[in-house]
Amino acid sequence: MKKNMVLFFLVVVFTACGSVKEKQSDAHTYTPLSTINTWFSNHTSNQLIFQEGTVQKILQDDNEGSRHQKFIVKLKNEQTLLISHNIDLSTRIPDLKNGDLVIFKGEYEWNKKGGVVHWTHRDPNGKHQDGYLMHEGKKYD
C-alpha cells in the first residue's frame, strides 16, 4: 500500500512539474520598445517581435494570394505597426475593433510607416518561429 502511495505521489509531482515547465516555456518577455525603435531607425527586418498594441485602424482583408487580416496597432511609444495575419493558415480575429488591445508575436519587417508584423501563426513548413495573436484572452495561431 505504501509503495502505491509513493508511486502515486511521484506521478503527481512529475506531472505538476511538467505543467509548470510548459507554462514557463510559453512565457515571453516583450521586445523592448527601444529595440523596436532601433530596428525602425536602422531599417532592420527579419526580427522576432513580441509586443502589444492598441488597434488604431482596421483595414480590408488582403485576398490576393494567401488571405490576410490586416490592421494597424499603436505601441506605447506611439510607433505604429501593420499586422498582417494569414487567415488561410490561422483563424481571423472576429469582432476586432478600434481601441482593442492585441498581443502579438511574429516577424518584424521594416517599412517607412513603422513596420509590418507577419508570421503571426504557426509555420506549417517549420522555417519560421511560430507566432500568434492574443485578443480578449484567446490565442490565434
Protein backbone atom coordinates (compact mmCIF):
# COMPACT_ATOMS: atom_id res chain seq x y z
CA MET A 1 0.00 0.00 0.00
CA LYS A 2 2.82 2.41 0.92
CA LYS A 3 4.59 1.70 -2.39
CA ASN A 4 1.40 2.58 -4.28
CA MET A 5 1.04 5.83 -2.33
CA VAL A 6 4.67 6.77 -3.01
CA LEU A 7 4.26 5.92 -6.69
CA PHE A 8 1.05 7.98 -6.86
CA PHE A 9 2.80 10.91 -5.14
CA LEU A 10 5.73 10.76 -7.61
CA VAL A 11 3.38 10.69 -10.60
CA VAL A 12 1.52 13.73 -9.26
CA VAL A 13 4.77 15.64 -8.61
CA PHE A 14 6.26 14.85 -12.03
CA THR A 15 3.01 15.75 -13.77
CA ALA A 16 2.82 19.06 -11.92
CA CYS A 17 6.47 19.85 -12.73
CA GLY A 18 5.83 19.15 -16.40
CA SER A 19 2.88 21.55 -16.39
CA VAL A 20 4.97 24.27 -14.78
CA LYS A 21 7.71 23.82 -17.38
CA GLU A 22 5.18 24.09 -20.20
CA LYS A 23 3.77 27.30 -18.76
CA GLN A 24 7.25 28.75 -18.22
CA SER A 25 8.39 27.91 -21.76
CA ASP A 26 5.25 29.60 -23.10
CA ALA A 27 6.10 32.79 -21.21
CA HIS A 28 7.72 35.58 -23.19
CA THR A 29 9.32 38.89 -22.43
CA TYR A 30 8.11 41.80 -24.51
CA THR A 31 10.56 43.11 -27.08
CA PRO A 32 11.83 46.40 -25.59
CA LEU A 33 10.37 49.46 -27.28
CA SER A 34 13.90 50.86 -27.58
CA THR A 35 14.86 47.80 -29.65
CA ILE A 36 11.88 48.30 -31.96
CA ASN A 37 12.85 51.99 -32.32
CA THR A 38 16.37 50.90 -33.32
CA TRP A 39 15.02 48.42 -35.88
CA PHE A 40 12.93 51.20 -37.39
CA SER A 41 15.78 53.74 -37.41
CA ASN A 42 18.22 51.24 -38.94
CA HIS A 43 15.75 49.79 -41.49
CA THR A 44 16.17 46.35 -39.89
CA SER A 45 13.97 43.41 -40.91
CA ASN A 46 13.52 39.72 -40.16
CA GLN A 47 13.37 40.21 -36.40
CA LEU A 48 11.26 38.23 -33.94
CA ILE A 49 8.94 40.63 -32.15
CA PHE A 50 6.70 40.10 -29.14
CA GLN A 51 4.73 43.12 -28.01
CA GLU A 52 1.25 44.56 -27.53
CA GLY A 53 -0.55 47.40 -29.22
CA THR A 54 -3.89 49.13 -29.41
CA VAL A 55 -5.84 48.75 -32.65
CA GLN A 56 -5.88 52.11 -34.44
CA LYS A 57 -7.37 51.16 -37.78
CA ILE A 58 -8.87 48.03 -39.30
CA LEU A 59 -8.06 47.59 -42.98
CA GLN A 60 -9.74 45.48 -45.62
CA ASP A 61 -8.57 41.91 -45.87
CA ASP A 62 -5.92 41.24 -48.50
CA ASN A 63 -7.45 38.48 -50.62
CA GLU A 64 -4.77 38.25 -53.31
CA GLY A 65 -2.69 35.09 -52.93
CA SER A 66 -2.90 33.88 -49.34
CA ARG A 67 -5.53 35.87 -47.44
CA HIS A 68 -4.55 38.21 -44.61
CA GLN A 69 -6.50 40.08 -41.95
CA LYS A 70 -4.85 43.50 -41.71
CA PHE A 71 -4.96 46.17 -39.05
CA ILE A 72 -2.74 48.87 -37.58
CA VAL A 73 -1.71 48.88 -33.94
CA LYS A 74 -0.06 51.65 -31.95
CA LEU A 75 2.61 50.75 -29.42
CA LYS A 76 3.10 52.54 -26.10
CA ASN A 77 5.91 54.57 -27.70
CA GLU A 78 3.43 55.85 -30.36
CA GLN A 79 5.05 53.81 -33.17
CA THR A 80 2.51 52.15 -35.45
CA LEU A 81 2.80 48.69 -36.98
CA LEU A 82 0.77 46.96 -39.64
CA ILE A 83 -0.30 43.49 -38.52
CA SER A 84 -0.73 41.14 -41.47
CA HIS A 85 -2.28 37.93 -40.12
CA ASN A 86 -2.56 34.99 -42.54
CA ILE A 87 -6.14 33.72 -42.31
CA ASP A 88 -5.50 30.81 -44.64
CA LEU A 89 -3.14 29.33 -42.02
CA SER A 90 -4.85 30.67 -38.90
CA THR A 91 -8.21 31.92 -37.69
CA ARG A 92 -9.15 35.57 -38.13
CA ILE A 93 -9.94 37.61 -35.03
CA PRO A 94 -13.71 38.10 -35.08
CA ASP A 95 -15.24 41.35 -33.86
CA LEU A 96 -11.89 43.18 -33.78
CA LYS A 97 -12.46 46.90 -33.29
CA ASN A 98 -10.54 50.13 -32.83
CA GLY A 99 -9.27 50.53 -29.29
CA ASP A 100 -8.85 46.79 -28.67
CA LEU A 101 -5.60 45.56 -27.16
CA VAL A 102 -3.80 42.88 -29.20
CA ILE A 103 -0.73 40.97 -28.05
CA PHE A 104 1.33 39.72 -30.96
CA LYS A 105 4.33 37.55 -31.72
CA GLY A 106 5.68 37.42 -35.25
CA GLU A 107 8.35 38.66 -37.60
CA TYR A 108 9.06 42.39 -37.90
CA GLU A 109 9.81 43.84 -41.34
CA TRP A 110 10.84 47.46 -41.73
CA ASN A 111 8.81 49.91 -43.79
CA LYS A 112 8.72 53.70 -43.79
CA LYS A 113 5.42 53.80 -41.90
CA GLY A 114 6.73 51.95 -38.83
CA GLY A 115 6.92 48.33 -39.86
CA VAL A 116 4.92 45.22 -40.67
CA VAL A 117 4.45 42.19 -38.45
CA HIS A 118 3.71 38.92 -40.21
CA TRP A 119 4.16 35.21 -39.43
CA THR A 120 1.62 35.66 -36.62
CA HIS A 121 0.69 31.99 -36.97
CA ARG A 122 2.27 28.57 -36.99
CA ASP A 123 4.62 27.86 -39.88
CA PRO A 124 3.49 24.60 -41.49
CA ASN A 125 6.97 24.17 -43.02
CA GLY A 126 8.88 24.86 -39.80
CA LYS A 127 11.14 27.52 -41.37
CA HIS A 128 9.95 30.43 -39.21
CA GLN A 129 9.39 30.57 -35.49
CA ASP A 130 5.69 30.20 -34.78
CA GLY A 131 3.84 33.39 -33.96
CA TYR A 132 0.36 34.25 -32.75
CA LEU A 133 -2.10 36.97 -31.83
CA MET A 134 -3.92 37.25 -28.48
CA HIS A 135 -7.20 39.13 -28.30
CA GLU A 136 -9.53 39.17 -25.30
CA GLY A 137 -7.77 36.15 -23.79
CA LYS A 138 -7.97 33.99 -26.93
CA LYS A 139 -4.91 32.89 -28.87
CA TYR A 140 -4.98 32.91 -32.68
CA ASP A 141 -2.16 30.87 -34.16
